[in-house]
Amino acid sequence: MPKFLEEKLRAEAAAHGMRGRDVAHYVYGTMNNIGAMRGNKETAKGARMDAKHAAKSGGSHPLRNLRHYAHPKRSK
């Protein structure tokens, strides 16, 4: 899932005064609605969003997207 988007949405939810499960419903519901996730799985659109953000931020931590290398997609 796009971590940057999750953090941004959590901050927005906190600004609206949400707590607990309301925050989770807000964050993951929004990501499902915009197409970044489908259920609890990241979509191709979400992966592109994450890659684009990582490329734009440039100076981010070098291991930020390590999960893409640690868990490569299986080939059929």
N, C-alpha and C. Protein backbone atom coordinates (compact mmCIF):
# COMPACT_ATOMS: atom_id res chain seq x y z
N MET A 1 0.84 -1.17 0.00
CA MET A 1 0.00 0.00 0.00
C MET A 1 0.88 1.23 0.00
N PRO A 2 0.43 2.29 -0.58
CA PRO A 2 1.21 3.52 -0.59
C PRO A 2 1.32 4.08 0.83
N LYS A 3 2.49 3.93 1.43
CA LYS A 3 2.69 4.34 2.82
C LYS A 3 2.51 5.84 2.99
N PHE A 4 2.98 6.63 2.02
CA PHE A 4 2.86 8.07 2.13
C PHE A 4 1.39 8.48 2.18
N LEU A 5 0.56 7.80 1.40
CA LEU A 5 -0.87 8.11 1.36
C LEU A 5 -1.54 7.72 2.67
N GLU A 6 -1.15 6.58 3.21
CA GLU A 6 -1.71 6.15 4.49
C GLU A 6 -1.39 7.17 5.58
N GLU A 7 -0.15 7.63 5.63
CA GLU A 7 0.25 8.62 6.65
C GLU A 7 -0.52 9.92 6.48
N LYS A 8 -0.69 10.35 5.23
CA LYS A 8 -1.42 11.59 4.95
C LYS A 8 -2.89 11.47 5.38
N LEU A 9 -3.50 10.34 5.06
CA LEU A 9 -4.91 10.14 5.41
C LEU A 9 -5.10 10.01 6.92
N ARG A 10 -4.14 9.38 7.61
CA ARG A 10 -4.21 9.29 9.07
C ARG A 10 -4.14 10.68 9.70
N ALA A 11 -3.30 11.54 9.15
CA ALA A 11 -3.20 12.91 9.66
C ALA A 11 -4.51 13.67 9.43
N GLU A 12 -5.11 13.47 8.25
CA GLU A 12 -6.40 14.11 7.97
C GLU A 12 -7.48 13.63 8.93
N ALA A 13 -7.49 12.33 9.18
CA ALA A 13 -8.50 11.77 10.09
C ALA A 13 -8.32 12.34 11.50
N ALA A 14 -7.08 12.47 11.94
CA ALA A 14 -6.82 13.04 13.26
C ALA A 14 -7.26 14.50 13.31
N ALA A 15 -7.07 15.22 12.23
CA ALA A 15 -7.49 16.61 12.17
C ALA A 15 -9.01 16.74 12.26
N HIS A 16 -9.72 15.72 11.77
CA HIS A 16 -11.18 15.70 11.85
C HIS A 16 -11.68 15.18 13.19
N GLY A 17 -10.76 14.78 14.05
CA GLY A 17 -11.14 14.31 15.38
C GLY A 17 -11.51 12.85 15.45
N MET A 18 -11.14 12.07 14.46
CA MET A 18 -11.45 10.64 14.46
C MET A 18 -10.45 9.88 15.31
N ARG A 19 -10.91 8.76 15.87
CA ARG A 19 -10.05 7.93 16.69
C ARG A 19 -10.41 6.46 16.48
N GLY A 20 -9.46 5.58 16.76
CA GLY A 20 -9.71 4.15 16.74
C GLY A 20 -10.09 3.60 15.39
N ARG A 21 -11.16 2.82 15.37
CA ARG A 21 -11.60 2.17 14.13
C ARG A 21 -12.07 3.15 13.08
N ASP A 22 -12.56 4.31 13.53
CA ASP A 22 -12.99 5.32 12.56
C ASP A 22 -11.83 5.75 11.67
N VAL A 23 -10.64 5.84 12.25
CA VAL A 23 -9.45 6.22 11.47
C VAL A 23 -9.15 5.15 10.43
N ALA A 24 -9.16 3.89 10.85
CA ALA A 24 -8.87 2.79 9.93
C ALA A 24 -9.90 2.74 8.80
N HIS A 25 -11.16 2.92 9.12
CA HIS A 25 -12.20 2.91 8.10
C HIS A 25 -12.02 4.07 7.13
N TYR A 26 -11.66 5.22 7.65
CA TYR A 26 -11.43 6.39 6.80
C TYR A 26 -10.24 6.16 5.86
N VAL A 27 -9.13 5.70 6.42
CA VAL A 27 -7.90 5.52 5.65
C VAL A 27 -8.07 4.45 4.58
N TYR A 28 -8.45 3.25 4.97
CA TYR A 28 -8.51 2.15 4.02
C TYR A 28 -9.72 2.25 3.11
N GLY A 29 -10.79 2.83 3.57
CA GLY A 29 -11.95 3.06 2.71
C GLY A 29 -11.62 4.03 1.60
N THR A 30 -10.88 5.09 1.94
CA THR A 30 -10.48 6.06 0.93
C THR A 30 -9.54 5.44 -0.09
N MET A 31 -8.56 4.65 0.39
CA MET A 31 -7.63 4.02 -0.53
C MET A 31 -8.34 3.01 -1.43
N ASN A 32 -9.34 2.31 -0.91
CA ASN A 32 -10.13 1.41 -1.75
C ASN A 32 -10.94 2.19 -2.77
N ASN A 33 -11.52 3.31 -2.36
CA ASN A 33 -12.35 4.12 -3.26
C ASN A 33 -11.56 4.73 -4.40
N ILE A 34 -10.31 5.15 -4.15
CA ILE A 34 -9.52 5.77 -5.22
C ILE A 34 -8.79 4.73 -6.05
N GLY A 35 -8.81 3.47 -5.63
CA GLY A 35 -8.23 2.41 -6.43
C GLY A 35 -6.80 2.06 -6.08
N ALA A 36 -6.27 2.59 -4.96
CA ALA A 36 -4.90 2.28 -4.55
C ALA A 36 -4.83 0.90 -3.90
N MET A 37 -5.95 0.42 -3.39
CA MET A 37 -6.03 -0.90 -2.78
C MET A 37 -7.31 -1.58 -3.22
N ARG A 38 -7.31 -2.88 -3.13
CA ARG A 38 -8.53 -3.66 -3.34
C ARG A 38 -8.60 -4.62 -2.16
N GLY A 39 -9.48 -4.31 -1.22
CA GLY A 39 -9.52 -5.07 0.02
C GLY A 39 -8.26 -4.75 0.81
N ASN A 40 -7.46 -5.77 1.09
CA ASN A 40 -6.22 -5.53 1.82
C ASN A 40 -4.99 -5.71 0.94
N LYS A 41 -5.20 -5.73 -0.37
CA LYS A 41 -4.10 -5.91 -1.32
C LYS A 41 -3.85 -4.61 -2.08
N GLU A 42 -2.58 -4.30 -2.30
CA GLU A 42 -2.22 -3.13 -3.08
C GLU A 42 -2.46 -3.42 -4.56
N THR A 43 -3.03 -2.45 -5.27
CA THR A 43 -3.26 -2.61 -6.70
C THR A 43 -2.06 -2.07 -7.48
N ALA A 44 -2.07 -2.27 -8.77
CA ALA A 44 -1.01 -1.74 -9.63
C ALA A 44 -1.01 -0.22 -9.56
N LYS A 45 -2.18 0.38 -9.49
CA LYS A 45 -2.28 1.83 -9.38
C LYS A 45 -1.62 2.31 -8.09
N GLY A 46 -1.84 1.60 -6.99
CA GLY A 46 -1.22 1.95 -5.72
C GLY A 46 0.29 1.83 -5.78
N ALA A 47 0.78 0.80 -6.45
CA ALA A 47 2.23 0.61 -6.59
C ALA A 47 2.83 1.74 -7.42
N ARG A 48 2.12 2.15 -8.48
CA ARG A 48 2.60 3.27 -9.30
C ARG A 48 2.62 4.57 -8.50
N MET A 49 1.59 4.78 -7.68
CA MET A 49 1.54 5.97 -6.85
C MET A 49 2.72 6.00 -5.88
N ASP A 50 3.02 4.85 -5.28
CA ASP A 50 4.12 4.75 -4.33
C ASP A 50 5.46 5.00 -5.02
N ALA A 51 5.65 4.42 -6.21
CA ALA A 51 6.89 4.60 -6.95
C ALA A 51 7.06 6.06 -7.38
N LYS A 52 5.98 6.67 -7.82
CA LYS A 52 6.03 8.07 -8.24
C LYS A 52 6.39 8.97 -7.07
N HIS A 53 5.80 8.70 -5.92
CA HIS A 53 6.10 9.50 -4.73
C HIS A 53 7.56 9.32 -4.31
N ALA A 54 8.05 8.09 -4.35
CA ALA A 54 9.44 7.82 -3.98
C ALA A 54 10.40 8.53 -4.92
N ALA A 55 10.07 8.58 -6.21
CA ALA A 55 10.92 9.25 -7.18
C ALA A 55 10.91 10.76 -6.98
N LYS A 56 9.74 11.30 -6.65
CA LYS A 56 9.62 12.74 -6.44
C LYS A 56 10.33 13.19 -5.18
N SER A 57 10.21 12.41 -4.10
CA SER A 57 10.77 12.83 -2.82
C SER A 57 12.29 12.75 -2.83
N GLY A 58 12.86 11.91 -3.66
CA GLY A 58 14.30 11.87 -3.88
C GLY A 58 15.14 11.65 -2.65
N GLY A 59 15.06 12.50 -1.66
CA GLY A 59 15.91 12.42 -0.49
C GLY A 59 15.35 11.55 0.62
N SER A 60 14.43 10.66 0.30
CA SER A 60 13.85 9.82 1.35
C SER A 60 14.82 8.72 1.74
N HIS A 61 14.48 8.00 2.74
CA HIS A 61 15.33 6.93 3.26
C HIS A 61 15.54 5.87 2.17
N PRO A 62 16.78 5.37 2.00
CA PRO A 62 17.06 4.43 0.90
C PRO A 62 16.36 3.08 1.05
N LEU A 63 15.95 2.71 2.24
CA LEU A 63 15.29 1.41 2.42
C LEU A 63 13.78 1.54 2.51
N ARG A 64 13.24 2.69 2.15
CA ARG A 64 11.81 2.94 2.28
C ARG A 64 10.97 1.93 1.50
N ASN A 65 11.38 1.57 0.30
CA ASN A 65 10.60 0.66 -0.54
C ASN A 65 11.22 -0.73 -0.57
N LEU A 66 11.83 -1.13 0.50
CA LEU A 66 12.49 -2.42 0.58
C LEU A 66 11.51 -3.57 0.41
N ARG A 67 10.26 -3.39 0.78
CA ARG A 67 9.28 -4.47 0.69
C ARG A 67 9.12 -4.97 -0.73
N HIS A 68 9.36 -4.12 -1.73
CA HIS A 68 9.26 -4.56 -3.12
C HIS A 68 10.35 -5.56 -3.47
N TYR A 69 11.49 -5.44 -2.80
CA TYR A 69 12.60 -6.36 -3.06
C TYR A 69 12.55 -7.56 -2.15
N ALA A 70 12.04 -7.38 -0.94
CA ALA A 70 11.98 -8.48 0.02
C ALA A 70 10.91 -9.50 -0.34
N HIS A 71 9.85 -9.05 -0.99
CA HIS A 71 8.74 -9.93 -1.35
C HIS A 71 8.42 -9.78 -2.83
N PRO A 72 9.26 -10.28 -3.71
CA PRO A 72 8.98 -10.11 -5.15
C PRO A 72 7.75 -10.92 -5.55
N LYS A 73 7.12 -10.49 -6.62
CA LYS A 73 5.95 -11.20 -7.13
C LYS A 73 6.36 -12.55 -7.66
N ARG A 74 5.52 -13.52 -7.45
CA ARG A 74 5.78 -14.87 -7.96
C ARG A 74 5.42 -14.94 -9.43
N SER A 75 6.23 -15.63 -10.18
CA SER A 75 5.90 -15.83 -11.59
C SER A 75 5.21 -17.19 -11.74
N LYS A 76 4.28 -17.25 -12.67
CA LYS A 76 3.51 -18.48 -12.86
C LYS A 76 4.15 -19.36 -13.88
